[in-house]
Amino acid sequence: MDTAAPRTSGGFDLGYARVSTTRQSLERQLEALTVAGIAAATSMDGCARMALMADEDEVRLIEAAMRETGWAEFMSLAGALRMWTRLSHEVEAYAGTIDDYTNDLTTRNYIAGAASRASVGLRFRIGHLVAVADESFRTATIEDGDQRLGPYYRIESSAGWWWHRRPSSGPLADYLDRATDTA
């Protein structure tokens, strides 16, 4: 029995597969998407590109506007989403320098700047794409109430919430603890 929804012309279907328990099978979910005729994207970058595809023209205009405000030519919304997702999953064991970390935080600035320029529909899709990474980042970091990041980067009180958080564990957390202890 075919349980697939009837297809309409002029659009495309998107599928989403993820596992959150050891009893779930990503392969089985991806196979079900393939059977339904939905191409699978196997990375955050691929998922972001697929989700943003419907708004391709708007995204291009936003990226051009971002470049006009000083963002690097290589930056893209899909790329920033990919980099932010990577950081949110690696922050507990972040092995980069404090300069690398503050540079990586700017990718979330890019996402916020792009979302602020987006239509309501695209803003919703960006928010949906970034929500899981934001939650992962919040879980793996702690409030920087004692402003341990402050000596390395000027952080305004109005800066995004991500600028007021630091790793809770790992090499960078240890470095920030040592630097504060010796100051």
Protein backbone atom coordinates (compact mmCIF):
# COMPACT_ATOMS: atom_id res chain seq x y z
CA MET A 1 0.00 0.00 0.00
CA ASP A 2 1.41 3.37 -1.00
CA THR A 3 1.28 5.77 1.96
CA ALA A 4 3.08 8.63 0.26
CA ALA A 5 1.19 11.90 0.01
CA PRO A 6 0.10 12.92 -3.48
CA ARG A 7 2.65 15.11 -5.20
CA THR A 8 1.88 18.53 -6.54
CA SER A 9 3.66 19.99 -9.53
CA GLY A 10 5.85 23.06 -9.35
CA GLY A 11 7.53 22.38 -6.01
CA PHE A 12 9.80 19.92 -4.31
CA ASP A 13 9.62 17.72 -1.26
CA LEU A 14 12.06 17.91 1.60
CA GLY A 15 12.76 15.11 4.02
CA TYR A 16 14.49 15.06 7.35
CA ALA A 17 16.23 12.14 9.01
CA ARG A 18 17.90 12.10 12.39
CA VAL A 19 18.44 9.73 15.27
CA SER A 20 18.19 10.61 18.93
CA THR A 21 18.32 7.12 20.48
CA THR A 22 20.44 4.06 19.83
CA ARG A 23 17.30 2.13 18.80
CA GLN A 24 16.71 4.38 15.80
CA SER A 25 18.36 3.73 12.46
CA LEU A 26 19.53 6.62 10.30
CA GLU A 27 20.03 4.22 7.39
CA ARG A 28 16.39 3.06 7.62
CA GLN A 29 15.16 6.68 7.68
CA LEU A 30 17.33 7.64 4.71
CA GLU A 31 16.09 4.57 2.82
CA ALA A 32 12.48 5.60 3.49
CA LEU A 33 13.23 9.06 2.08
CA THR A 34 14.80 7.50 -1.01
CA VAL A 35 11.77 5.23 -1.53
CA ALA A 36 9.56 8.33 -1.29
CA GLY A 37 11.65 9.95 -4.02
CA ILE A 38 13.28 12.51 -1.77
CA ALA A 39 17.00 13.07 -2.20
CA ALA A 40 18.87 12.88 1.08
CA ALA A 41 21.36 15.50 2.20
CA THR A 42 23.82 13.93 4.60
CA SER A 43 25.34 17.02 6.13
CA MET A 44 24.18 20.21 7.81
CA ASP A 45 25.54 22.12 4.84
CA GLY A 46 23.49 19.97 2.46
CA CYS A 47 20.39 20.26 4.65
CA ALA A 48 20.80 24.03 4.94
CA ARG A 49 21.26 24.38 1.19
CA MET A 50 18.15 22.28 0.53
CA ALA A 51 16.06 24.21 3.06
CA LEU A 52 17.23 27.54 1.67
CA MET A 53 16.82 26.49 -1.98
CA ALA A 54 13.24 27.73 -2.15
CA ASP A 55 14.50 31.19 -1.19
CA GLU A 56 17.63 31.12 -3.35
CA ASP A 57 17.14 34.60 -4.85
CA GLU A 58 16.41 36.17 -1.47
CA VAL A 59 19.41 34.42 0.11
CA ARG A 60 21.68 35.71 -2.68
CA LEU A 61 20.45 39.28 -2.11
CA ILE A 62 20.99 38.95 1.65
CA GLU A 63 24.50 37.56 1.16
CA ALA A 64 25.33 40.46 -1.18
CA ALA A 65 24.03 42.92 1.43
CA MET A 66 26.13 41.20 4.08
CA ARG A 67 29.24 41.58 1.90
CA GLU A 68 28.44 45.29 1.48
CA THR A 69 28.58 45.65 5.28
CA GLY A 70 32.06 44.10 5.41
CA TRP A 71 31.54 40.35 5.53
CA ALA A 72 34.06 38.28 3.57
CA GLU A 73 33.25 37.16 0.05
CA PHE A 74 33.50 33.48 1.02
CA MET A 75 30.78 33.71 3.68
CA SER A 76 27.39 32.24 2.85
CA LEU A 77 24.33 31.52 4.92
CA ALA A 78 24.57 27.76 4.37
CA GLY A 79 28.29 27.88 5.21
CA ALA A 80 27.70 29.90 8.38
CA LEU A 81 25.03 27.42 9.48
CA ARG A 82 27.47 24.57 8.86
CA MET A 83 30.28 26.29 10.80
CA TRP A 84 27.97 27.18 13.71
CA THR A 85 26.71 23.60 13.89
CA ARG A 86 30.28 22.29 13.92
CA LEU A 87 31.27 24.70 16.70
CA SER A 88 28.22 23.82 18.78
CA HIS A 89 29.19 20.15 18.67
CA GLU A 90 32.92 20.70 19.28
CA VAL A 91 32.85 23.46 21.90
CA GLU A 92 33.12 21.07 24.88
CA ALA A 93 36.46 19.84 23.58
CA TYR A 94 37.45 23.03 21.72
CA ALA A 95 41.18 22.80 21.02
CA GLY A 96 41.58 26.06 19.10
CA THR A 97 42.93 29.28 20.52
CA ILE A 98 40.85 32.03 22.08
CA ASP A 99 41.28 33.94 18.81
CA ASP A 100 39.92 30.96 16.87
CA TYR A 101 36.97 30.76 19.26
CA THR A 102 36.02 34.42 18.96
CA ASN A 103 36.40 34.16 15.18
CA ASP A 104 34.10 31.11 15.18
CA LEU A 105 31.53 33.01 17.25
CA THR A 106 31.25 35.57 14.46
CA THR A 107 29.57 32.93 12.28
CA ARG A 108 26.56 33.19 14.59
CA ASN A 109 26.66 36.98 14.04
CA TYR A 110 26.43 36.31 10.31
CA ILE A 111 23.39 34.07 10.80
CA ALA A 112 21.70 36.68 12.99
CA GLY A 113 22.47 39.43 10.47
CA ALA A 114 21.12 37.38 7.59
CA ALA A 115 17.97 36.48 9.54
CA SER A 116 17.35 40.14 10.38
CA ARG A 117 17.31 40.93 6.64
CA ALA A 118 15.12 37.97 5.70
CA SER A 119 11.42 37.78 4.96
CA VAL A 120 9.25 36.24 7.68
CA GLY A 121 9.19 32.85 5.96
CA LEU A 122 12.93 32.68 5.42
CA ARG A 123 13.58 33.97 8.95
CA PHE A 124 11.47 31.10 10.27
CA ARG A 125 13.46 28.55 8.22
CA ILE A 126 16.78 30.02 9.39
CA GLY A 127 15.56 29.90 12.98
CA HIS A 128 14.53 26.27 12.55
CA LEU A 129 17.92 25.36 11.06
CA VAL A 130 19.92 27.09 13.79
CA ALA A 131 17.77 26.06 16.79
CA VAL A 132 19.38 22.66 17.38
CA ALA A 133 22.89 24.09 17.14
CA ASP A 134 21.96 26.94 19.48
CA GLU A 135 20.64 24.48 22.06
CA SER A 136 23.73 22.30 21.73
CA PHE A 137 25.94 25.37 22.20
CA ARG A 138 24.01 26.50 25.28
CA THR A 139 24.29 23.02 26.78
CA ALA A 140 28.05 22.81 26.22
CA THR A 141 28.83 26.31 27.49
CA ILE A 142 28.34 28.39 30.61
CA GLU A 143 27.49 32.04 31.17
CA ASP A 144 30.62 34.16 31.05
CA GLY A 145 29.50 36.21 34.05
CA ASP A 146 33.06 36.88 35.17
CA GLN A 147 33.89 37.99 31.60
CA ARG A 148 36.84 35.72 30.98
CA LEU A 149 36.47 36.34 27.24
CA GLY A 150 36.62 40.12 27.75
CA PRO A 151 40.42 40.52 27.77
CA TYR A 152 40.62 38.82 24.37
CA TYR A 153 37.73 40.43 22.51
CA ARG A 154 35.69 43.54 23.17
CA ILE A 155 32.20 42.26 23.86
CA GLU A 156 29.43 44.82 24.10
CA SER A 157 26.56 44.15 26.50
CA SER A 158 24.21 44.31 23.49
CA ALA A 159 26.12 41.54 21.66
CA GLY A 160 24.30 38.31 20.88
CA TRP A 161 23.79 35.83 23.71
CA TRP A 162 26.53 33.55 22.25
CA TRP A 163 29.15 36.20 23.05
CA HIS A 164 28.28 35.89 26.74
CA ARG A 165 29.03 32.15 26.94
CA ARG A 166 32.26 30.18 27.14
CA PRO A 167 33.10 26.48 27.02
CA SER A 168 32.28 24.63 30.23
CA SER A 169 35.04 22.06 29.73
CA GLY A 170 37.93 21.19 27.47
CA PRO A 171 41.23 22.81 26.56
CA LEU A 172 39.87 26.33 25.99
CA ALA A 173 37.93 26.25 29.26
CA ASP A 174 41.10 25.14 31.06
CA TYR A 175 43.10 27.92 29.38
CA LEU A 176 40.56 30.56 30.40
CA ASP A 177 40.58 29.22 33.99
CA ARG A 178 44.40 29.34 34.14
CA ALA A 179 44.57 32.80 32.57
CA THR A 180 42.10 34.15 35.13
CA ASP A 181 43.89 32.44 38.04
CA THR A 182 47.22 34.04 37.12
CA ALA A 183 45.82 37.49 36.40
